[in-house]
Amino acid sequence: MKTSLGGVPLFQLYGENQAWPGTDLLHCESIPARSRLHHWEIKPHQHADLFQLLYVQRGQAQVEIEGQRRQISEAALQVVPPLTVHGFRFSADIQGHVLTFGPALVADVEQRLGAPLAVLTAAGCYPLGRDRHHVHALIATLQQEYQGNAPARGAMLQALVTALMVWISRRQQLGQAPRNRDERDQQLLGQYLRLVEAHYREHLSVETFATRLGITSLQLNQLCRELTGQSALQVIHQRLLLEARRSLVYTRMSIGQLSDSLGFSDPTYFARFFKRLSGKTPNGYRRSLQGH
């Protein structure tokens, strides 16, 4: 285990210090297998480069994502991307599984599908509804295959994960308005988001990002508005706001220290920025969560 974000634990698998186990591209276990050892509570933590799918078959799960809580009381799949601060609290009758996998498996699945897995770029909860028996059969087969040593085990696991990814992607698309998302635009957006992730503390201009992508700032803004509903600058600002919220919730940094860590030249300017985007002052936001 390492730490980041001023104290948020950074694990491979929760509560374990060793590196990724074995040579498998994924890890599959029942929810009770780990949560029972921790009194049904998985405290907020993150994974550097691992994706997780939480499958709730039955029982209750309180999910905390980046300081925001929601209750899952029906069969559902929760997506948790890398570096997302997340925690869970389960009822003692919880049934389900946690599937953990790295970027190598994601790359394999994307190659199979011929397109990026956009559904894995953001946390999301997808109720199973009428598909609950179908998804349960997929995950039960995956768990059985994972625990066994049958011929072509790796190919079978990859096929089952691919089927899960297709289901989640379809469910995500059902909840979206129709949009023109060709592969080139998705790749450009992915490149932009990765650049923002690497440089958001530097407060680079939209023009600088656009130049690095080989397009104009107008094209970058059009791309972001079409695929995210936000301008290119809003994407940067939302990433700064997310990091500010994380630090206010999970660290004891002063407002001045937080302002410096996010690249603001003046704490007063940072406080105005935070209030404009969130509706609360940084201290007010921190106080509002202290009782939770």
C-alpha atoms as a PDB file:
ATOM      1  CA  MET A   1       0.000   0.000   0.000  1.00  0.00           C
ATOM      2  CA  LYS A   2       1.060   3.575  -0.748  1.00  0.00           C
ATOM      3  CA  THR A   3      -0.716   6.797   0.138  1.00  0.00           C
ATOM      4  CA  SER A   4      -1.748   9.734  -1.992  1.00  0.00           C
ATOM      5  CA  LEU A   5      -4.103  12.714  -1.827  1.00  0.00           C
ATOM      6  CA  GLY A   6      -2.575  13.601   1.520  1.00  0.00           C
ATOM      7  CA  GLY A   7      -3.711  10.380   3.192  1.00  0.00           C
ATOM      8  CA  VAL A   8      -6.232   8.500   1.027  1.00  0.00           C
ATOM      9  CA  PRO A   9      -4.972   4.879   0.936  1.00  0.00           C
ATOM     10  CA  LEU A  10      -3.785   3.660  -2.460  1.00  0.00           C
ATOM     11  CA  PHE A  11      -4.155  -0.133  -2.776  1.00  0.00           C
ATOM     12  CA  GLN A  12      -3.837  -2.851  -5.351  1.00  0.00           C
ATOM     13  CA  LEU A  13      -6.536  -4.880  -3.550  1.00  0.00           C
ATOM     14  CA  TYR A  14      -8.122  -3.304  -0.466  1.00  0.00           C
ATOM     15  CA  GLY A  15      -6.174  -3.991   2.717  1.00  0.00           C
ATOM     16  CA  GLU A  16      -3.319  -5.791   0.950  1.00  0.00           C
ATOM     17  CA  ASN A  17       0.261  -4.603   0.547  1.00  0.00           C
ATOM     18  CA  GLN A  18       1.477  -7.026  -2.103  1.00  0.00           C
ATOM     19  CA  ALA A  19       1.552  -6.332  -5.821  1.00  0.00           C
ATOM     20  CA  TRP A  20      -1.097  -7.582  -8.230  1.00  0.00           C
ATOM     21  CA  PRO A  21      -1.548 -11.300  -7.489  1.00  0.00           C
ATOM     22  CA  GLY A  22      -0.261 -13.917  -9.920  1.00  0.00           C
ATOM     23  CA  THR A  23      -0.340 -13.608 -13.684  1.00  0.00           C
ATOM     24  CA  ASP A  24      -4.109 -13.212 -14.129  1.00  0.00           C
ATOM     25  CA  LEU A  25      -5.427 -10.147 -15.916  1.00  0.00           C
ATOM     26  CA  LEU A  26      -8.289  -9.937 -13.409  1.00  0.00           C
ATOM     27  CA  HIS A  27      -9.316 -10.782  -9.851  1.00  0.00           C
ATOM     28  CA  CYS A  28     -12.786 -11.972  -8.887  1.00  0.00           C
ATOM     29  CA  GLU A  29     -14.129 -12.534  -5.379  1.00  0.00           C
ATOM     30  CA  SER A  30     -17.433 -12.426  -3.517  1.00  0.00           C
ATOM     31  CA  ILE A  31     -18.300  -9.207  -1.680  1.00  0.00           C
ATOM     32  CA  PRO A  32     -18.444 -10.974   1.734  1.00  0.00           C
ATOM     33  CA  ALA A  33     -14.990 -12.543   1.257  1.00  0.00           C
ATOM     34  CA  ARG A  34     -13.273  -9.216   1.980  1.00  0.00           C
ATOM     35  CA  SER A  35     -15.941  -6.989   3.540  1.00  0.00           C
ATOM     36  CA  ARG A  36     -16.745  -9.474   6.326  1.00  0.00           C
ATOM     37  CA  LEU A  37     -13.132  -9.136   7.520  1.00  0.00           C
ATOM     38  CA  HIS A  38     -13.635  -5.365   7.806  1.00  0.00           C
ATOM     39  CA  HIS A  39     -17.035  -5.443   9.579  1.00  0.00           C
ATOM     40  CA  TRP A  40     -18.853  -4.901   6.269  1.00  0.00           C
ATOM     41  CA  GLU A  41     -17.163  -1.530   5.654  1.00  0.00           C
ATOM     42  CA  ILE A  42     -14.547  -0.773   2.994  1.00  0.00           C
ATOM     43  CA  LYS A  43     -13.178   2.650   3.903  1.00  0.00           C
ATOM     44  CA  PRO A  44     -12.470   5.291   1.215  1.00  0.00           C
ATOM     45  CA  HIS A  45      -9.427   4.381  -0.861  1.00  0.00           C
ATOM     46  CA  GLN A  46      -8.301   4.315  -4.476  1.00  0.00           C
ATOM     47  CA  HIS A  47      -6.442   2.139  -6.986  1.00  0.00           C
ATOM     48  CA  ALA A  48      -3.685   3.608  -9.151  1.00  0.00           C
ATOM     49  CA  ASP A  49      -4.359   1.736 -12.382  1.00  0.00           C
ATOM     50  CA  LEU A  50      -7.100  -0.781 -11.642  1.00  0.00           C
ATOM     51  CA  PHE A  51     -10.737  -0.768 -12.718  1.00  0.00           C
ATOM     52  CA  GLN A  52     -13.424  -2.322 -10.532  1.00  0.00           C
ATOM     53  CA  LEU A  53     -16.943  -3.581 -11.112  1.00  0.00           C
ATOM     54  CA  LEU A  54     -19.078  -4.039  -8.003  1.00  0.00           C
ATOM     55  CA  TYR A  55     -21.921  -6.463  -8.679  1.00  0.00           C
ATOM     56  CA  VAL A  56     -24.710  -6.237  -6.088  1.00  0.00           C
ATOM     57  CA  GLN A  57     -26.961  -9.281  -6.477  1.00  0.00           C
ATOM     58  CA  ARG A  58     -29.038  -8.739  -3.331  1.00  0.00           C
ATOM     59  CA  GLY A  59     -28.771  -6.924  -0.019  1.00  0.00           C
ATOM     60  CA  GLN A  60     -27.919  -3.267   0.617  1.00  0.00           C
ATOM     61  CA  ALA A  61     -24.798  -1.339  -0.375  1.00  0.00           C
ATOM     62  CA  GLN A  62     -23.983   2.259   0.489  1.00  0.00           C
ATOM     63  CA  VAL A  63     -21.523   3.470  -2.144  1.00  0.00           C
ATOM     64  CA  GLU A  64     -19.318   6.512  -1.582  1.00  0.00           C
ATOM     65  CA  ILE A  65     -17.719   7.985  -4.714  1.00  0.00           C
ATOM     66  CA  GLU A  66     -15.589  11.124  -4.344  1.00  0.00           C
ATOM     67  CA  GLY A  67     -17.397  12.063  -1.128  1.00  0.00           C
ATOM     68  CA  GLN A  68     -20.886  11.553  -2.610  1.00  0.00           C
ATOM     69  CA  ARG A  69     -23.018   8.725  -1.190  1.00  0.00           C
ATOM     70  CA  ARG A  70     -25.791   6.705  -2.793  1.00  0.00           C
ATOM     71  CA  GLN A  71     -27.716   3.625  -1.724  1.00  0.00           C
ATOM     72  CA  ILE A  72     -27.971   0.508  -3.884  1.00  0.00           C
ATOM     73  CA  SER A  73     -30.949  -1.616  -2.884  1.00  0.00           C
ATOM     74  CA  GLU A  74     -31.544  -3.509  -6.135  1.00  0.00           C
ATOM     75  CA  ALA A  75     -29.425  -5.652  -8.431  1.00  0.00           C
ATOM     76  CA  ALA A  76     -26.875  -3.333 -10.069  1.00  0.00           C
ATOM     77  CA  LEU A  77     -23.342  -2.936 -11.411  1.00  0.00           C
ATOM     78  CA  GLN A  78     -21.180  -0.072 -10.079  1.00  0.00           C
ATOM     79  CA  VAL A  79     -18.220   1.030 -12.240  1.00  0.00           C
ATOM     80  CA  VAL A  80     -15.164   2.414 -10.400  1.00  0.00           C
ATOM     81  CA  PRO A  81     -12.382   3.803 -12.660  1.00  0.00           C
ATOM     82  CA  PRO A  82      -8.711   4.080 -11.564  1.00  0.00           C
ATOM     83  CA  LEU A  83      -7.817   6.835  -9.062  1.00  0.00           C
ATOM     84  CA  THR A  84     -11.468   7.257  -8.057  1.00  0.00           C
ATOM     85  CA  VAL A  85     -11.769   7.653  -4.281  1.00  0.00           C
ATOM     86  CA  HIS A  86     -14.416   5.137  -3.244  1.00  0.00           C
ATOM     87  CA  GLY A  87     -15.708   3.242  -0.242  1.00  0.00           C
ATOM     88  CA  PHE A  88     -18.541   0.828   0.541  1.00  0.00           C
ATOM     89  CA  ARG A  89     -20.733  -0.129   3.492  1.00  0.00           C
ATOM     90  CA  PHE A  90     -22.675  -3.372   3.097  1.00  0.00           C
ATOM     91  CA  SER A  91     -25.553  -5.046   4.897  1.00  0.00           C
ATOM     92  CA  ALA A  92     -24.668  -8.398   6.480  1.00  0.00           C
ATOM     93  CA  ASP A  93     -26.900 -10.231   3.978  1.00  0.00           C
ATOM     94  CA  ILE A  94     -25.071  -8.779   0.959  1.00  0.00           C
ATOM     95  CA  GLN A  95     -24.533 -11.080  -2.014  1.00  0.00           C
ATOM     96  CA  GLY A  96     -22.499 -10.237  -5.081  1.00  0.00           C
ATOM     97  CA  HIS A  97     -18.981 -10.017  -6.452  1.00  0.00           C
ATOM     98  CA  VAL A  98     -16.146  -7.563  -7.012  1.00  0.00           C
ATOM     99  CA  LEU A  99     -14.298  -7.808 -10.318  1.00  0.00           C
ATOM    100  CA  THR A 100     -10.926  -6.039 -10.497  1.00  0.00           C
ATOM    101  CA  PHE A 101      -8.862  -5.751 -13.669  1.00  0.00           C
ATOM    102  CA  GLY A 102      -5.993  -3.716 -15.074  1.00  0.00           C
ATOM    103  CA  PRO A 103      -5.361  -1.681 -18.236  1.00  0.00           C
ATOM    104  CA  ALA A 104      -3.975  -4.706 -20.107  1.00  0.00           C
ATOM    105  CA  LEU A 105      -7.357  -6.446 -20.032  1.00  0.00           C
ATOM    106  CA  VAL A 106      -9.140  -3.208 -20.960  1.00  0.00           C
ATOM    107  CA  ALA A 107      -6.824  -2.836 -23.969  1.00  0.00           C
ATOM    108  CA  ASP A 108      -7.577  -6.427 -25.030  1.00  0.00           C
ATOM    109  CA  VAL A 109     -11.327  -5.854 -24.800  1.00  0.00           C
ATOM    110  CA  GLU A 110     -11.080  -2.549 -26.692  1.00  0.00           C
ATOM    111  CA  GLN A 111      -9.154  -4.332 -29.441  1.00  0.00           C
ATOM    112  CA  ARG A 112     -11.901  -6.948 -29.651  1.00  0.00           C
ATOM    113  CA  LEU A 113     -14.599  -4.281 -29.854  1.00  0.00           C
ATOM    114  CA  GLY A 114     -12.652  -1.948 -32.143  1.00  0.00           C
ATOM    115  CA  ALA A 115     -13.495   1.104 -30.013  1.00  0.00           C
ATOM    116  CA  PRO A 116     -12.531   2.690 -26.672  1.00  0.00           C
ATOM    117  CA  LEU A 117     -14.532   1.658 -23.598  1.00  0.00           C
ATOM    118  CA  ALA A 118     -15.871   5.114 -22.780  1.00  0.00           C
ATOM    119  CA  VAL A 119     -18.109   3.621 -20.070  1.00  0.00           C
ATOM    120  CA  LEU A 120     -15.013   2.952 -17.934  1.00  0.00           C
ATOM    121  CA  THR A 121     -13.862   6.582 -17.862  1.00  0.00           C
ATOM    122  CA  ALA A 122     -16.391   7.699 -15.234  1.00  0.00           C
ATOM    123  CA  ALA A 123     -17.982   6.146 -12.156  1.00  0.00           C
ATOM    124  CA  GLY A 124     -21.536   5.031 -12.767  1.00  0.00           C
ATOM    125  CA  CYS A 125     -24.228   2.755 -11.335  1.00  0.00           C
ATOM    126  CA  TYR A 126     -26.290   0.630 -13.724  1.00  0.00           C
ATOM    127  CA  PRO A 127     -29.392  -1.149 -12.348  1.00  0.00           C
ATOM    128  CA  LEU A 128     -29.838  -4.551 -13.968  1.00  0.00           C
ATOM    129  CA  GLY A 129     -33.625  -4.457 -14.183  1.00  0.00           C
ATOM    130  CA  ARG A 130     -35.002  -7.180 -16.448  1.00  0.00           C
ATOM    131  CA  ASP A 131     -31.442  -8.228 -17.363  1.00  0.00           C
ATOM    132  CA  ARG A 132     -30.570  -9.296 -13.811  1.00  0.00           C
ATOM    133  CA  HIS A 133     -30.730 -13.036 -14.574  1.00  0.00           C
ATOM    134  CA  HIS A 134     -28.625 -12.619 -17.717  1.00  0.00           C
ATOM    135  CA  VAL A 135     -25.938 -10.568 -15.935  1.00  0.00           C
ATOM    136  CA  HIS A 136     -25.973 -12.900 -12.923  1.00  0.00           C
ATOM    137  CA  ALA A 137     -25.368 -15.870 -15.234  1.00  0.00           C
ATOM    138  CA  LEU A 138     -22.420 -14.050 -16.842  1.00  0.00           C
ATOM    139  CA  ILE A 139     -20.801 -13.244 -13.504  1.00  0.00           C
ATOM    140  CA  ALA A 140     -21.494 -16.676 -12.012  1.00  0.00           C
ATOM    141  CA  THR A 141     -19.843 -18.273 -15.055  1.00  0.00           C
ATOM    142  CA  LEU A 142     -16.942 -15.838 -14.786  1.00  0.00           C
ATOM    143  CA  GLN A 143     -16.440 -16.690 -11.100  1.00  0.00           C
ATOM    144  CA  GLN A 144     -16.526 -20.428 -11.854  1.00  0.00           C
ATOM    145  CA  GLU A 145     -14.054 -20.011 -14.721  1.00  0.00           C
ATOM    146  CA  TYR A 146     -11.779 -17.806 -12.597  1.00  0.00           C
ATOM    147  CA  GLN A 147     -11.592 -20.389  -9.817  1.00  0.00           C
ATOM    148  CA  GLY A 148     -10.982 -23.277 -12.201  1.00  0.00           C
ATOM    149  CA  ASN A 149      -8.185 -24.321 -14.519  1.00  0.00           C
ATOM    150  CA  ALA A 150     -10.043 -25.473 -17.624  1.00  0.00           C
ATOM    151  CA  PRO A 151      -8.458 -25.356 -21.100  1.00  0.00           C
ATOM    152  CA  ALA A 152      -8.610 -21.913 -22.771  1.00  0.00           C
ATOM    153  CA  ARG A 153      -9.435 -20.371 -19.377  1.00  0.00           C
ATOM    154  CA  GLY A 154      -7.878 -17.001 -20.299  1.00  0.00           C
ATOM    155  CA  ALA A 155      -9.818 -16.724 -23.554  1.00  0.00           C
ATOM    156  CA  MET A 156     -13.058 -17.609 -21.776  1.00  0.00           C
ATOM    157  CA  LEU A 157     -12.478 -15.006 -19.048  1.00  0.00           C
ATOM    158  CA  GLN A 158     -11.742 -12.343 -21.654  1.00  0.00           C
ATOM    159  CA  ALA A 159     -14.908 -13.246 -23.574  1.00  0.00           C
ATOM    160  CA  LEU A 160     -17.036 -13.018 -20.414  1.00  0.00           C
ATOM    161  CA  VAL A 161     -15.541  -9.649 -19.439  1.00  0.00           C
ATOM    162  CA  THR A 162     -16.165  -8.423 -22.996  1.00  0.00           C
ATOM    163  CA  ALA A 163     -19.813  -9.458 -22.719  1.00  0.00           C
ATOM    164  CA  LEU A 164     -20.116  -7.533 -19.435  1.00  0.00           C
ATOM    165  CA  MET A 165     -18.528  -4.439 -20.970  1.00  0.00           C
ATOM    166  CA  VAL A 166     -20.921  -4.583 -23.921  1.00  0.00           C
ATOM    167  CA  TRP A 167     -23.899  -4.813 -21.553  1.00  0.00           C
ATOM    168  CA  ILE A 168     -22.735  -1.839 -19.463  1.00  0.00           C
ATOM    169  CA  SER A 169     -21.963   0.224 -22.581  1.00  0.00           C
ATOM    170  CA  ARG A 170     -25.413  -0.468 -23.999  1.00  0.00           C
ATOM    171  CA  ARG A 171     -27.064   0.442 -20.703  1.00  0.00           C
ATOM    172  CA  GLN A 172     -25.089   3.690 -20.578  1.00  0.00           C
ATOM    173  CA  GLN A 173     -26.125   4.574 -24.130  1.00  0.00           C
ATOM    174  CA  LEU A 174     -29.791   3.968 -23.305  1.00  0.00           C
ATOM    175  CA  GLY A 175     -29.574   6.795 -20.774  1.00  0.00           C
ATOM    176  CA  GLN A 176     -28.004   9.279 -23.174  1.00  0.00           C
ATOM    177  CA  ALA A 177     -29.412  11.490 -25.872  1.00  0.00           C
ATOM    178  CA  PRO A 178     -28.283  10.425 -29.354  1.00  0.00           C
ATOM    179  CA  ARG A 179     -24.899  11.923 -30.178  1.00  0.00           C
ATOM    180  CA  ASN A 180     -22.482  11.678 -33.069  1.00  0.00           C
ATOM    181  CA  ARG A 181     -19.573   9.797 -31.511  1.00  0.00           C
ATOM    182  CA  ASP A 182     -17.288   8.479 -34.185  1.00  0.00           C
ATOM    183  CA  GLU A 183     -14.070   6.781 -33.198  1.00  0.00           C
ATOM    184  CA  ARG A 184     -11.857   9.746 -34.143  1.00  0.00           C
ATOM    185  CA  ASP A 185     -13.789  12.097 -31.854  1.00  0.00           C
ATOM    186  CA  GLN A 186     -13.685   9.610 -28.986  1.00  0.00           C
ATOM    187  CA  GLN A 187      -9.937   9.177 -29.387  1.00  0.00           C
ATOM    188  CA  LEU A 188      -9.393  12.947 -29.439  1.00  0.00           C
ATOM    189  CA  LEU A 189     -11.512  13.406 -26.342  1.00  0.00           C
ATOM    190  CA  GLY A 190      -9.587  10.643 -24.601  1.00  0.00           C
ATOM    191  CA  GLN A 191      -6.299  12.332 -25.487  1.00  0.00           C
ATOM    192  CA  TYR A 192      -7.601  15.655 -24.185  1.00  0.00           C
ATOM    193  CA  LEU A 193      -8.790  14.131 -20.904  1.00  0.00           C
ATOM    194  CA  ARG A 194      -5.405  12.477 -20.411  1.00  0.00           C
ATOM    195  CA  LEU A 195      -3.650  15.803 -21.045  1.00  0.00           C
ATOM    196  CA  VAL A 196      -5.960  17.531 -18.567  1.00  0.00           C
ATOM    197  CA  GLU A 197      -5.256  14.807 -16.005  1.00  0.00           C
ATOM    198  CA  ALA A 198      -1.511  15.320 -16.405  1.00  0.00           C
ATOM    199  CA  HIS A 199      -1.506  19.135 -16.436  1.00  0.00           C
ATOM    200  CA  TYR A 200      -4.637  20.506 -14.726  1.00  0.00           C
ATOM    201  CA  ARG A 201      -2.582  21.983 -11.865  1.00  0.00           C
ATOM    202  CA  GLU A 202      -0.570  24.053 -14.364  1.00  0.00           C
ATOM    203  CA  HIS A 203      -3.576  26.124 -15.535  1.00  0.00           C
ATOM    204  CA  LEU A 204      -2.630  25.814 -19.202  1.00  0.00           C
ATOM    205  CA  SER A 205      -4.843  27.606 -21.699  1.00  0.00           C
ATOM    206  CA  VAL A 206      -7.334  25.806 -23.934  1.00  0.00           C
ATOM    207  CA  GLU A 207      -5.245  27.008 -26.884  1.00  0.00           C
ATOM    208  CA  THR A 208      -2.190  25.210 -25.477  1.00  0.00           C
ATOM    209  CA  PHE A 209      -4.095  21.955 -25.108  1.00  0.00           C
ATOM    210  CA  ALA A 210      -5.562  22.301 -28.608  1.00  0.00           C
ATOM    211  CA  THR A 211      -2.107  22.885 -30.105  1.00  0.00           C
ATOM    212  CA  ARG A 212      -0.806  19.724 -28.451  1.00  0.00           C
ATOM    213  CA  LEU A 213      -3.721  17.817 -29.975  1.00  0.00           C
ATOM    214  CA  GLY A 214      -3.109  19.312 -33.411  1.00  0.00           C
ATOM    215  CA  ILE A 215      -6.497  21.040 -33.617  1.00  0.00           C
ATOM    216  CA  THR A 216      -7.825  24.563 -33.032  1.00  0.00           C
ATOM    217  CA  SER A 217      -9.345  25.733 -29.758  1.00  0.00           C
ATOM    218  CA  LEU A 218     -12.678  26.127 -31.580  1.00  0.00           C
ATOM    219  CA  GLN A 219     -12.553  22.481 -32.682  1.00  0.00           C
ATOM    220  CA  LEU A 220     -11.638  21.371 -29.163  1.00  0.00           C
ATOM    221  CA  ASN A 221     -14.556  23.304 -27.681  1.00  0.00           C
ATOM    222  CA  GLN A 222     -16.966  21.829 -30.229  1.00  0.00           C
ATOM    223  CA  LEU A 223     -15.663  18.340 -29.488  1.00  0.00           C
ATOM    224  CA  CYS A 224     -16.055  18.749 -25.724  1.00  0.00           C
ATOM    225  CA  ARG A 225     -19.526  20.261 -25.978  1.00  0.00           C
ATOM    226  CA  GLU A 226     -20.719  17.478 -28.284  1.00  0.00           C
ATOM    227  CA  LEU A 227     -19.330  14.581 -26.244  1.00  0.00           C
ATOM    228  CA  THR A 228     -19.438  15.916 -22.662  1.00  0.00           C
ATOM    229  CA  GLY A 229     -21.896  18.805 -22.694  1.00  0.00           C
ATOM    230  CA  GLN A 230     -19.154  21.099 -21.357  1.00  0.00           C
ATOM    231  CA  SER A 231     -16.689  23.516 -22.913  1.00  0.00           C
ATOM    232  CA  ALA A 232     -12.998  22.602 -22.951  1.00  0.00           C
ATOM    233  CA  LEU A 233     -12.384  25.119 -20.147  1.00  0.00           C
ATOM    234  CA  GLN A 234     -15.225  23.690 -18.067  1.00  0.00           C
ATOM    235  CA  VAL A 235     -13.615  20.246 -18.340  1.00  0.00           C
ATOM    236  CA  ILE A 236     -10.410  21.681 -16.832  1.00  0.00           C
ATOM    237  CA  HIS A 237     -12.310  23.559 -14.133  1.00  0.00           C
ATOM    238  CA  GLN A 238     -14.348  20.486 -13.174  1.00  0.00           C
ATOM    239  CA  ARG A 239     -11.132  18.482 -12.773  1.00  0.00           C
ATOM    240  CA  LEU A 240      -9.717  21.195 -10.489  1.00  0.00           C
ATOM    241  CA  LEU A 241     -12.974  21.257  -8.533  1.00  0.00           C
ATOM    242  CA  LEU A 242     -12.933  17.470  -8.144  1.00  0.00           C
ATOM    243  CA  GLU A 243      -9.393  17.546  -6.733  1.00  0.00           C
ATOM    244  CA  ALA A 244     -10.310  20.418  -4.414  1.00  0.00           C
ATOM    245  CA  ARG A 245     -13.316  18.490  -3.093  1.00  0.00           C
ATOM    246  CA  ARG A 246     -11.212  15.366  -2.592  1.00  0.00           C
ATOM    247  CA  SER A 247      -8.654  17.278  -0.556  1.00  0.00           C
ATOM    248  CA  LEU A 248     -11.285  19.073   1.522  1.00  0.00           C
ATOM    249  CA  VAL A 249     -12.941  15.754   2.376  1.00  0.00           C
ATOM    250  CA  TYR A 250      -9.947  13.464   2.805  1.00  0.00           C
ATOM    251  CA  THR A 251      -7.083  15.702   3.988  1.00  0.00           C
ATOM    252  CA  ARG A 252      -6.466  18.372   6.615  1.00  0.00           C
ATOM    253  CA  MET A 253      -4.734  20.783   4.269  1.00  0.00           C
ATOM    254  CA  SER A 254      -5.384  24.438   4.995  1.00  0.00           C
ATOM    255  CA  ILE A 255      -7.105  26.468   2.294  1.00  0.00           C
ATOM    256  CA  GLY A 256      -3.781  28.159   1.540  1.00  0.00           C
ATOM    257  CA  GLN A 257      -1.999  24.823   1.176  1.00  0.00           C
ATOM    258  CA  LEU A 258      -4.769  23.480  -1.021  1.00  0.00           C
ATOM    259  CA  SER A 259      -4.694  26.602  -3.165  1.00  0.00           C
ATOM    260  CA  ASP A 260      -0.944  26.198  -3.681  1.00  0.00           C
ATOM    261  CA  SER A 261      -1.230  22.483  -4.442  1.00  0.00           C
ATOM    262  CA  LEU A 262      -3.735  23.217  -7.208  1.00  0.00           C
ATOM    263  CA  GLY A 263      -1.600  25.914  -8.796  1.00  0.00           C
ATOM    264  CA  PHE A 264      -3.587  28.992  -7.749  1.00  0.00           C
ATOM    265  CA  SER A 265      -1.505  32.105  -7.158  1.00  0.00           C
ATOM    266  CA  ASP A 266      -3.797  33.447  -4.422  1.00  0.00           C
ATOM    267  CA  PRO A 267      -6.008  31.613  -1.873  1.00  0.00           C
ATOM    268  CA  THR A 268      -8.640  34.326  -2.261  1.00  0.00           C
ATOM    269  CA  TYR A 269      -8.886  33.637  -5.985  1.00  0.00           C
ATOM    270  CA  PHE A 270      -9.111  29.898  -5.283  1.00  0.00           C
ATOM    271  CA  ALA A 271     -11.938  30.484  -2.766  1.00  0.00           C
ATOM    272  CA  ARG A 272     -13.870  32.543  -5.347  1.00  0.00           C
ATOM    273  CA  PHE A 273     -13.274  29.865  -7.988  1.00  0.00           C
ATOM    274  CA  PHE A 274     -14.530  27.116  -5.664  1.00  0.00           C
ATOM    275  CA  LYS A 275     -17.648  29.038  -4.623  1.00  0.00           C
ATOM    276  CA  ARG A 276     -18.499  29.965  -8.207  1.00  0.00           C
ATOM    277  CA  LEU A 277     -18.431  26.310  -9.279  1.00  0.00           C
ATOM    278  CA  SER A 278     -19.847  24.624  -6.163  1.00  0.00           C
ATOM    279  CA  GLY A 279     -22.021  27.272  -4.536  1.00  0.00           C
ATOM    280  CA  LYS A 280     -20.106  26.996  -1.239  1.00  0.00           C
ATOM    281  CA  THR A 281     -16.870  28.373   0.159  1.00  0.00           C
ATOM    282  CA  PRO A 282     -14.095  25.773   0.663  1.00  0.00           C
ATOM    283  CA  ASN A 283     -14.485  25.956   4.457  1.00  0.00           C
ATOM    284  CA  GLY A 284     -18.259  25.796   4.145  1.00  0.00           C
ATOM    285  CA  TYR A 285     -18.009  22.696   1.962  1.00  0.00           C
ATOM    286  CA  ARG A 286     -15.649  21.019   4.438  1.00  0.00           C
ATOM    287  CA  ARG A 287     -17.943  21.836   7.398  1.00  0.00           C
ATOM    288  CA  SER A 288     -20.997  20.514   5.553  1.00  0.00           C
ATOM    289  CA  LEU A 289     -19.386  17.066   5.308  1.00  0.00           C
ATOM    290  CA  GLN A 290     -17.880  16.812   8.774  1.00  0.00           C
ATOM    291  CA  GLY A 291     -21.033  15.343  10.237  1.00  0.00           C
ATOM    292  CA  HIS A 292     -21.324  12.608   7.600  1.00  0.00           C
END
